[in-house]
Protein backbone atom coordinates (compact mmCIF):
# COMPACT_ATOMS: atom_id res chain seq x y z
CA MET A 1 117.79 237.86 -95.88
CA PRO A 2 115.00 235.37 -96.82
CA ARG A 3 113.29 234.85 -93.47
CA PRO A 4 111.82 238.19 -92.71
CA PRO A 5 109.87 238.32 -96.13
CA ARG A 6 108.62 234.85 -95.34
CA ILE A 7 107.60 236.00 -91.80
CA ARG A 8 105.75 239.05 -93.30
CA ARG A 9 103.80 237.04 -95.95
CA ALA A 10 102.76 234.55 -93.15
CA ALA A 11 101.67 237.50 -91.03
CA ARG A 12 99.68 239.06 -93.73
CA THR A 13 98.08 235.58 -94.64
CA LEU A 14 97.00 235.03 -91.20
CA ASP A 15 95.83 238.73 -90.91
CA ARG A 16 93.57 238.24 -93.96
CA ALA A 17 92.33 234.76 -92.82
CA LEU A 18 91.34 236.43 -89.36
CA HIS A 19 89.59 239.28 -91.08
CA ARG A 20 87.34 236.97 -93.10
CA ILE A 21 85.99 235.41 -89.88
CA GLY A 22 85.80 238.70 -88.07
CA ILE A 23 88.68 238.47 -86.03
CA ASP A 24 91.58 240.99 -86.06
CA GLY A 25 95.09 241.29 -84.12
CA TYR A 26 93.70 243.56 -81.52
CA LEU A 27 91.04 241.13 -80.44
CA LEU A 28 93.64 238.56 -80.00
CA LEU A 29 95.65 240.88 -77.83
CA LEU A 30 92.41 241.20 -75.71
CA LEU A 31 91.79 237.63 -75.29
CA ALA A 32 95.70 237.27 -74.53
CA THR A 33 95.24 239.87 -71.85
CA VAL A 34 92.31 237.91 -70.20
CA GLY A 35 94.52 234.94 -70.28
CA LEU A 36 97.39 236.73 -68.66
CA ALA A 37 95.07 238.17 -66.02
CA THR A 38 94.00 234.55 -65.34
CA VAL A 39 97.35 233.05 -65.03
CA LEU A 40 99.14 235.77 -63.55
CA PRO A 41 96.80 238.45 -61.96
CA ALA A 42 98.42 241.50 -60.27
CA ARG A 43 98.58 241.05 -56.42
CA GLY A 44 99.61 243.47 -53.57
CA ALA A 45 102.16 246.17 -54.74
CA ALA A 46 101.67 245.11 -58.45
CA ALA A 47 97.95 245.40 -58.31
CA ASP A 48 98.71 249.08 -56.95
CA ALA A 49 101.04 249.79 -59.65
CA VAL A 50 98.48 248.50 -62.36
CA ALA A 51 95.67 250.63 -60.82
CA ALA A 52 98.09 253.79 -60.89
CA ALA A 53 98.92 252.90 -64.70
CA VAL A 54 95.18 252.84 -65.54
CA LYS A 55 94.66 256.14 -63.97
CA ILE A 56 97.77 257.43 -65.88
CA ALA A 57 96.64 256.10 -69.05
CA VAL A 58 93.07 257.39 -68.80
CA GLY A 59 94.49 260.88 -67.85
CA LEU A 60 96.64 260.82 -70.87
CA LEU A 61 93.91 259.77 -73.19
CA PHE A 62 91.78 262.66 -72.00
CA PHE A 63 94.59 265.01 -72.38
CA LEU A 64 95.18 264.06 -75.89
CA TYR A 65 91.32 264.11 -76.74
CA GLY A 66 91.38 267.76 -75.29
CA ALA A 67 94.37 268.74 -77.30
CA ARG A 68 92.93 267.30 -80.44
CA LEU A 69 89.23 268.57 -80.31
CA SER A 70 88.59 272.03 -81.09
CA PRO A 71 86.50 274.23 -78.60
CA ALA A 72 83.89 274.38 -81.18
CA GLU A 73 83.61 270.63 -81.47
CA ALA A 74 83.51 270.07 -77.72
CA LEU A 75 80.79 272.54 -77.45
CA ALA A 76 78.73 270.99 -80.25
CA GLY A 77 79.21 267.65 -78.34
CA ALA A 78 77.73 269.23 -75.32
CA ARG A 79 74.60 270.70 -77.04
CA ASN A 80 73.45 267.59 -78.73
CA TRP A 81 70.82 267.11 -76.21
CA ARG A 82 68.86 264.56 -78.14
CA LEU A 83 71.92 262.17 -78.35
CA HIS A 84 72.46 262.53 -74.53
CA LEU A 85 68.77 261.90 -73.81
CA LEU A 86 68.94 258.84 -76.00
CA ILE A 87 72.03 257.30 -74.23
CA ILE A 88 70.67 258.16 -70.78
CA GLY A 89 67.54 256.35 -71.71
CA CYS A 90 69.23 253.30 -72.65
CA THR A 91 71.44 253.43 -69.67
CA PHE A 92 68.83 254.28 -66.77
CA VAL A 93 65.68 253.25 -68.23
CA LEU A 94 65.87 250.27 -70.85
CA PHE A 95 68.68 248.50 -69.07
CA PRO A 96 66.85 248.48 -65.55
CA LEU A 97 63.83 247.19 -67.42
CA LEU A 98 65.63 244.42 -68.86
CA GLY A 99 67.26 243.65 -65.30
CA GLU A 100 63.76 243.39 -63.90
CA ALA A 101 62.79 241.06 -66.70
CA ALA A 102 65.80 238.89 -66.00
CA GLY A 103 64.58 238.51 -62.40
CA LEU A 104 61.57 236.72 -63.75
CA LEU A 105 63.72 233.68 -64.92
CA PRO A 106 63.43 230.54 -62.75
CA PRO A 107 65.83 230.03 -59.99
CA ALA A 108 67.30 227.07 -61.95
CA VAL A 109 68.39 229.47 -64.48
CA LEU A 110 69.31 232.37 -62.24
CA SER A 111 69.50 232.19 -58.51
CA PRO A 112 68.08 234.97 -56.51
CA GLN A 113 71.67 236.21 -55.68
CA LEU A 114 72.76 236.20 -59.15
CA ALA A 115 69.50 237.67 -60.22
CA GLY A 116 70.23 240.66 -57.79
CA GLY A 117 73.57 240.94 -59.33
CA VAL A 118 72.13 241.28 -62.86
CA LEU A 119 69.77 244.01 -61.73
CA PHE A 120 72.46 245.83 -59.93
CA LEU A 121 74.62 245.81 -63.17
CA THR A 122 71.69 247.42 -65.16
CA LEU A 123 71.40 250.20 -62.72
CA LEU A 124 75.09 251.18 -63.32
CA PRO A 125 76.21 254.25 -65.41
CA SER A 126 77.84 254.02 -68.68
CA THR A 127 81.78 253.45 -68.65
CA VAL A 128 83.75 256.56 -69.53
CA GLN A 129 87.49 255.67 -70.96
CA SER A 130 86.14 252.50 -72.97
CA SER A 131 83.16 254.28 -74.41
CA ILE A 132 85.34 257.03 -75.79
CA ALA A 133 88.12 254.96 -76.80
CA PHE A 134 85.70 252.63 -78.84
CA THR A 135 83.98 255.67 -80.20
CA SER A 136 87.33 257.07 -81.44
CA MET A 137 88.29 253.62 -83.02
CA ALA A 138 84.97 253.53 -84.71
CA ARG A 139 85.29 257.03 -86.15
CA GLY A 140 82.25 258.13 -84.13
CA ASN A 141 81.68 261.65 -82.67
CA VAL A 142 84.24 261.83 -79.81
CA ALA A 143 83.33 265.13 -78.54
CA ALA A 144 79.81 263.92 -78.18
CA ALA A 145 81.03 260.58 -76.65
CA ILE A 146 83.15 262.32 -74.02
CA CYS A 147 80.17 264.59 -72.89
CA ALA A 148 77.81 261.70 -72.82
CA ALA A 149 80.06 259.49 -71.02
CA THR A 150 80.91 262.19 -68.40
CA PHE A 151 77.06 263.02 -67.98
CA SER A 152 76.37 259.39 -67.47
CA SER A 153 79.06 258.93 -64.82
CA LEU A 154 78.16 261.90 -62.96
CA LEU A 155 74.39 261.16 -63.09
CA GLY A 156 74.97 257.76 -62.07
CA ILE A 157 76.77 258.94 -58.70
CA VAL A 158 73.10 260.03 -57.63
CA LEU A 159 70.86 257.84 -59.69
CA THR A 160 72.46 254.72 -59.33
CA PRO A 161 72.17 254.51 -55.56
CA LEU A 162 68.60 255.78 -55.56
CA LEU A 163 67.49 253.12 -58.20
CA ALA A 164 69.33 250.36 -55.99
CA ALA A 165 67.59 251.48 -52.93
CA TRP A 166 64.23 251.35 -54.71
CA LEU A 167 64.59 248.15 -56.78
CA LEU A 168 67.07 246.19 -54.70
CA THR A 169 65.93 244.67 -51.37
CA GLY A 170 68.01 245.38 -48.23
CA SER A 171 69.65 248.24 -49.78
CA SER A 172 67.77 251.21 -48.02
CA ALA A 173 70.87 252.52 -46.18
CA VAL A 174 72.65 254.01 -49.31
CA HIS A 175 75.55 256.76 -49.01
CA VAL A 176 76.91 258.70 -51.79
CA SER A 177 80.48 259.68 -51.57
CA GLY A 178 81.66 263.07 -52.91
CA GLY A 179 84.87 261.39 -53.59
CA GLN A 180 83.44 259.86 -56.71
CA VAL A 181 82.64 263.29 -57.99
CA LEU A 182 86.34 264.48 -57.18
CA ASP A 183 87.64 261.41 -59.26
CA VAL A 184 85.65 262.20 -62.30
CA VAL A 185 86.83 265.84 -62.16
CA LEU A 186 90.45 264.88 -61.45
CA GLN A 187 90.88 261.92 -63.77
CA LEU A 188 88.63 263.14 -66.59
CA LEU A 189 87.79 266.76 -66.83
CA VAL A 190 91.18 268.34 -65.55
CA PRO A 191 93.37 266.35 -68.15
CA PHE A 192 90.71 267.21 -70.95
CA ALA A 193 90.65 271.01 -69.89
CA ALA A 194 94.52 271.00 -69.96
CA GLY A 195 94.66 269.51 -73.50
CA GLN A 196 92.15 272.27 -74.45
CA LEU A 197 94.44 275.06 -73.08
CA LEU A 198 97.74 273.44 -74.85
CA ARG A 199 95.76 272.67 -78.05
CA PRO A 200 97.34 275.68 -79.99
CA TRP A 201 100.72 274.09 -79.38
CA MET A 202 99.96 270.33 -79.16
CA GLY A 203 97.09 270.20 -81.69
CA PRO A 204 99.05 270.36 -85.01
CA TRP A 205 101.81 267.62 -83.45
CA ILE A 206 98.72 265.12 -82.50
CA VAL A 207 97.19 265.62 -85.93
CA ARG A 208 100.55 264.51 -87.44
CA HIS A 209 101.14 261.54 -85.09
CA ARG A 210 97.38 260.01 -84.88
CA THR A 211 99.17 256.70 -84.05
CA VAL A 212 99.88 258.26 -80.59
CA THR A 213 96.24 258.41 -79.81
CA ARG A 214 95.41 255.11 -81.10
CA VAL A 215 98.11 253.41 -79.11
CA VAL A 216 96.88 255.19 -75.90
CA ASP A 217 93.21 254.32 -76.98
CA ARG A 218 93.91 250.64 -77.16
CA GLY A 219 96.46 250.42 -74.50
CA SER A 220 94.27 251.83 -71.93
CA ILE A 221 91.47 249.10 -72.83
CA LEU A 222 93.96 246.48 -72.27
CA LEU A 223 95.06 247.57 -68.99
CA ILE A 224 91.41 248.14 -67.92
CA VAL A 225 90.82 244.50 -68.93
CA TYR A 226 93.93 243.21 -67.23
CA ALA A 227 93.02 244.94 -63.94
CA ALA A 228 89.33 244.11 -63.86
CA PHE A 229 89.60 240.46 -64.73
CA GLY A 230 92.79 240.12 -62.44
CA GLU A 231 90.91 241.60 -59.56
CA GLY A 232 88.00 239.02 -59.91
CA VAL A 233 90.65 236.18 -60.04
CA VAL A 234 92.31 237.37 -56.92
CA ASP A 235 88.98 237.53 -54.96
CA GLY A 236 88.26 233.96 -55.99
CA VAL A 237 84.64 235.14 -57.57
CA TRP A 238 84.87 232.70 -60.51
CA SER A 239 84.98 229.77 -58.10
CA ARG A 240 81.65 230.57 -56.21
CA VAL A 241 79.34 229.34 -58.96
CA THR A 242 78.75 225.99 -60.80
CA ALA A 243 79.66 225.75 -64.53
CA GLY A 244 76.08 225.67 -65.32
CA GLN A 245 75.30 228.98 -63.50
CA LEU A 246 78.33 230.61 -65.33
CA ILE A 247 77.01 229.49 -68.61
CA TRP A 248 73.60 230.80 -67.97
CA LEU A 249 74.96 234.07 -66.78
CA VAL A 250 77.19 234.40 -69.88
CA VAL A 251 74.02 234.01 -72.01
CA ILE A 252 72.02 236.43 -70.19
CA CYS A 253 74.76 239.19 -70.20
CA ALA A 254 75.10 238.62 -74.00
CA VAL A 255 71.50 239.04 -74.59
CA LEU A 256 71.44 242.23 -72.35
CA LEU A 257 73.99 243.54 -74.56
CA ALA A 258 72.47 242.63 -77.88
CA VAL A 259 69.17 243.89 -76.91
CA VAL A 260 70.50 247.24 -76.10
CA LEU A 261 72.74 247.44 -79.04
CA ALA A 262 69.90 246.58 -81.38
CA PHE A 263 67.61 248.99 -79.70
CA SER A 264 70.05 251.96 -79.66
CA GLY A 265 70.89 251.35 -83.42
CA ALA A 266 67.15 251.18 -84.40
CA ALA A 267 66.00 254.26 -82.29
CA SER A 268 68.95 256.39 -83.39
CA ARG A 269 68.40 255.47 -87.13
CA ARG A 270 64.57 256.34 -86.82
CA LEU A 271 65.32 259.61 -85.11
CA GLY A 272 67.65 260.64 -88.19
CA PHE A 273 71.21 260.71 -86.36
CA ASP A 274 73.97 260.78 -88.70
CA ARG A 275 76.44 257.94 -88.84
CA ALA A 276 78.81 259.27 -86.41
CA ASP A 277 76.23 260.00 -83.81
CA ARG A 278 74.68 256.55 -84.39
CA VAL A 279 78.00 254.88 -83.55
CA THR A 280 78.26 257.09 -80.56
CA ILE A 281 74.79 256.14 -79.28
CA ARG A 282 75.29 252.49 -79.58
CA LEU A 283 78.98 252.43 -77.99
CA CYS A 284 78.05 254.78 -75.05
CA GLY A 285 74.57 253.54 -74.47
CA SER A 286 75.46 249.72 -74.28
CA LYS A 287 77.94 249.68 -71.57
CA LYS A 288 78.11 249.40 -67.89
CA SER A 289 80.96 250.73 -65.46
CA LEU A 290 82.90 248.25 -63.39
CA ALA A 291 84.90 251.01 -62.06
CA ASN A 292 81.75 252.53 -60.54
CA GLY A 293 80.09 249.21 -59.71
CA LEU A 294 82.80 247.77 -57.55
CA PRO A 295 83.19 250.50 -55.21
CA LEU A 296 79.24 250.94 -54.97
CA ALA A 297 78.67 247.37 -54.32
CA THR A 298 81.01 247.32 -51.18
CA ILE A 299 78.39 250.10 -49.85
CA LEU A 300 75.21 248.45 -50.64
CA PHE A 301 75.69 244.86 -49.96
CA PRO A 302 77.25 242.95 -47.01
CA ALA A 303 80.89 241.89 -47.34
CA PRO A 304 80.03 237.88 -48.04
CA LEU A 305 77.64 238.90 -50.83
CA VAL A 306 79.77 241.37 -52.58
CA GLY A 307 81.87 238.90 -54.67
CA ILE A 308 78.73 236.94 -56.00
CA THR A 309 76.75 240.06 -56.57
CA VAL A 310 79.44 241.67 -58.83
CA LEU A 311 80.07 238.49 -60.83
CA PRO A 312 77.52 239.22 -63.33
CA LEU A 313 79.07 242.93 -63.66
CA MET A 314 82.29 241.37 -64.10
CA LEU A 315 81.21 238.97 -66.94
CA PHE A 316 79.33 241.79 -68.66
CA HIS A 317 82.20 244.09 -68.50
CA GLN A 318 84.31 241.33 -70.36
CA ILE A 319 81.65 240.60 -72.83
CA GLN A 320 81.02 244.17 -73.77
CA LEU A 321 84.73 244.94 -74.22
CA MET A 322 85.10 241.93 -76.78
CA VAL A 323 82.06 242.29 -78.52
CA CYS A 324 82.50 246.39 -78.84
CA THR A 325 86.14 245.75 -79.92
CA VAL A 326 84.91 243.90 -82.95
CA LEU A 327 82.17 246.45 -83.75
CA ALA A 328 84.60 249.27 -83.29
CA GLN A 329 87.23 247.95 -85.39
CA ARG A 330 84.76 246.96 -87.91
CA TRP A 331 82.96 250.27 -88.12
CA GLY A 332 86.30 252.14 -88.08
CA ARG A 333 87.33 250.19 -91.29
CA GLN A 334 84.18 250.69 -92.93
CA ALA A 335 84.52 254.66 -92.32
CA GLU A 336 87.93 254.63 -93.98
CA GLU A 337 86.60 252.95 -96.99
CA PRO A 338 85.65 255.33 -100.06
CA GLN A 339 81.79 255.62 -100.16
CA GLY A 340 79.49 257.27 -102.62
CA PRO A 341 76.55 259.44 -101.56
CA GLU A 342 74.17 256.46 -101.44
CA GLN A 343 76.25 254.56 -98.96
CA LEU A 344 76.89 257.43 -96.76
CA ASP A 345 73.09 258.12 -96.69
CA ARG A 346 72.57 254.47 -95.67
CA GLY A 347 75.12 254.74 -93.10
CA ARG A 348 76.94 251.26 -93.77
CA PRO A 349 78.34 250.67 -90.17
CA ASP A 350 74.67 250.04 -89.07
CA ARG A 351 74.31 247.25 -91.36
CA GLU A 352 76.46 245.24 -88.85
CA GLN A 353 74.21 243.69 -86.23
CA PRO A 354 75.11 242.95 -82.70
CA PRO A 355 75.65 239.32 -81.83
CA GLY A 356 72.78 237.55 -80.19
């Protein structure tokens, strides 16, 4: 059978060529998912099915994390208060300051409505599932990432509406729903606790089958990308701005992400965090939650303005997933390479600089 060996050799050649320019197969899958959502977004019952699949994947992901992490590791992650303070500082202090600075750009670059959308995205909490999945891919401190992302999400339920009421005009009537707290508990904490309870039986199996967690990690991100991008296509958000506005908005979102990645990397290194914690800080402190932002936008803004307001958030969400996919894959490969004491002290993954 001569054909299969030729196919395998061609696949290996293509993979090596892509790696040399910083692209891997998973990033291509991510781009293909965006293309699929653009051409064939989920609608009606299919959209409901995709949303249910995302919830199931996230619950399964947290169950596997709970079954894999020892209680001592989980407790250590919760006690790492310096790490949590730095992530919260990036999420709720640095980001809003950058959002206010973006509002100073001339209207020709950033219209008032889009400027409000950029500021709104900077007030949101960090993502949960993708932050943890990327931290796992990059061989960071997963226990700390679970705690940090959960803390950020819970804090954002109260802090984001208060910041929005303060900084965004016309948003004084803000209502916080307890259903968001319940969603966090049911989707994240309950599966994690169940995994912890079943760890004596499930833990050894998961250690032997690490591919299962990796597939769930990456599959959940692909589902999130498809659901989020497809929803924007269905709502017609992408057709409400000019090409020039869209280009400027992409540049502004990329700069926001690059600044926070650079700051969190420099600050975590200066404060003496080890490599795993530095990875966690950068990946958890640089993201914004589309899942939290979309429902909140429907509460804060009039219906005709919701689409244009969340457009910066949707663009930023796609950019952060693509950039962090590249970084997490690269840092994960570097963590698996043999390193001497000098390389470990230097923390090789931090030599990778964020784009922009």
